[in-house]
Amino acid sequence: MNEKILIVDDQFGIRILLNEVLQKEGYQTFQEAKDLGALTHFAKPFDIDDIRQAVKQYIPA
């Protein structure tokens, strides 16, 4: 599995627990403690290869 999950919580212990569980399930995780920090993940430029792969999965050639 190559799915990505952003974990946002102000409690360190909750973030660590979710991170461990989700990584064991095969997810790639990213963590943020504050809402504004989480928004920066969405403000970054998109990886064009990730977008192409997602489009190919859902739109027939």
Protein backbone atom coordinates (compact mmCIF):
# COMPACT_ATOMS: atom_id res chain seq x y z
CA MET A 1 0.00 0.00 0.00
CA ASN A 2 1.35 3.42 -0.90
CA GLU A 3 -1.38 5.62 0.55
CA LYS A 4 -0.47 8.78 2.45
CA ILE A 5 -2.14 10.06 5.62
CA LEU A 6 -1.66 13.37 7.41
CA ILE A 7 -2.05 13.02 11.19
CA VAL A 8 -3.04 16.28 12.93
CA ASP A 9 -3.44 16.41 16.70
CA ASP A 10 -2.13 18.69 19.42
CA GLN A 11 -1.42 15.71 21.71
CA PHE A 12 1.97 14.13 21.08
CA GLY A 13 0.93 10.71 22.41
CA ILE A 14 -2.07 10.48 20.10
CA ARG A 15 0.06 11.38 17.08
CA ILE A 16 2.66 8.73 17.99
CA LEU A 17 0.01 6.06 18.53
CA LEU A 18 -1.75 6.80 15.23
CA ASN A 19 1.59 6.96 13.44
CA GLU A 20 2.64 3.52 14.69
CA VAL A 21 -0.69 1.87 13.91
CA LEU A 22 -1.03 3.39 10.44
CA GLN A 23 2.57 2.64 9.46
CA LYS A 24 2.12 -0.99 10.51
CA GLU A 25 -0.88 -1.09 8.17
CA GLY A 26 1.34 0.12 5.33
CA TYR A 27 0.45 3.81 5.16
CA GLN A 28 3.01 6.57 4.69
CA THR A 29 2.31 9.09 7.46
CA PHE A 30 3.02 12.75 8.05
CA GLN A 31 2.47 14.49 11.39
CA GLU A 32 1.54 18.01 12.45
CA ALA A 33 0.68 19.39 15.85
CA LYS A 34 -1.25 22.49 14.84
CA ASP A 35 -3.91 23.29 12.27
CA LEU A 36 -1.78 25.88 10.48
CA GLY A 37 1.08 23.43 10.23
CA ALA A 38 -1.27 20.96 8.59
CA LEU A 39 -2.31 23.57 6.05
CA THR A 40 1.29 23.93 4.91
CA HIS A 41 1.17 20.33 3.68
CA PHE A 42 -1.59 21.32 1.29
CA ALA A 43 0.08 24.56 0.25
CA LYS A 44 3.17 22.75 -1.05
CA PRO A 45 3.43 22.07 -4.79
CA PHE A 46 1.88 18.80 -5.89
CA ASP A 47 4.00 15.93 -7.11
CA ILE A 48 2.96 15.62 -10.75
CA ASP A 49 3.79 11.90 -10.83
CA ASP A 50 1.40 11.25 -7.92
CA ILE A 51 -1.35 13.14 -9.73
CA ARG A 52 -0.75 11.24 -12.99
CA GLN A 53 -0.88 7.90 -11.19
CA ALA A 54 -4.13 8.82 -9.42
CA VAL A 55 -5.73 9.94 -12.68
CA LYS A 56 -4.70 6.74 -14.47
CA GLN A 57 -6.33 4.65 -11.72
CA TYR A 58 -9.72 6.33 -12.08
CA ILE A 59 -9.93 7.28 -15.76
CA PRO A 60 -9.77 4.55 -18.38
CA ALA A 61 -7.20 5.06 -21.12
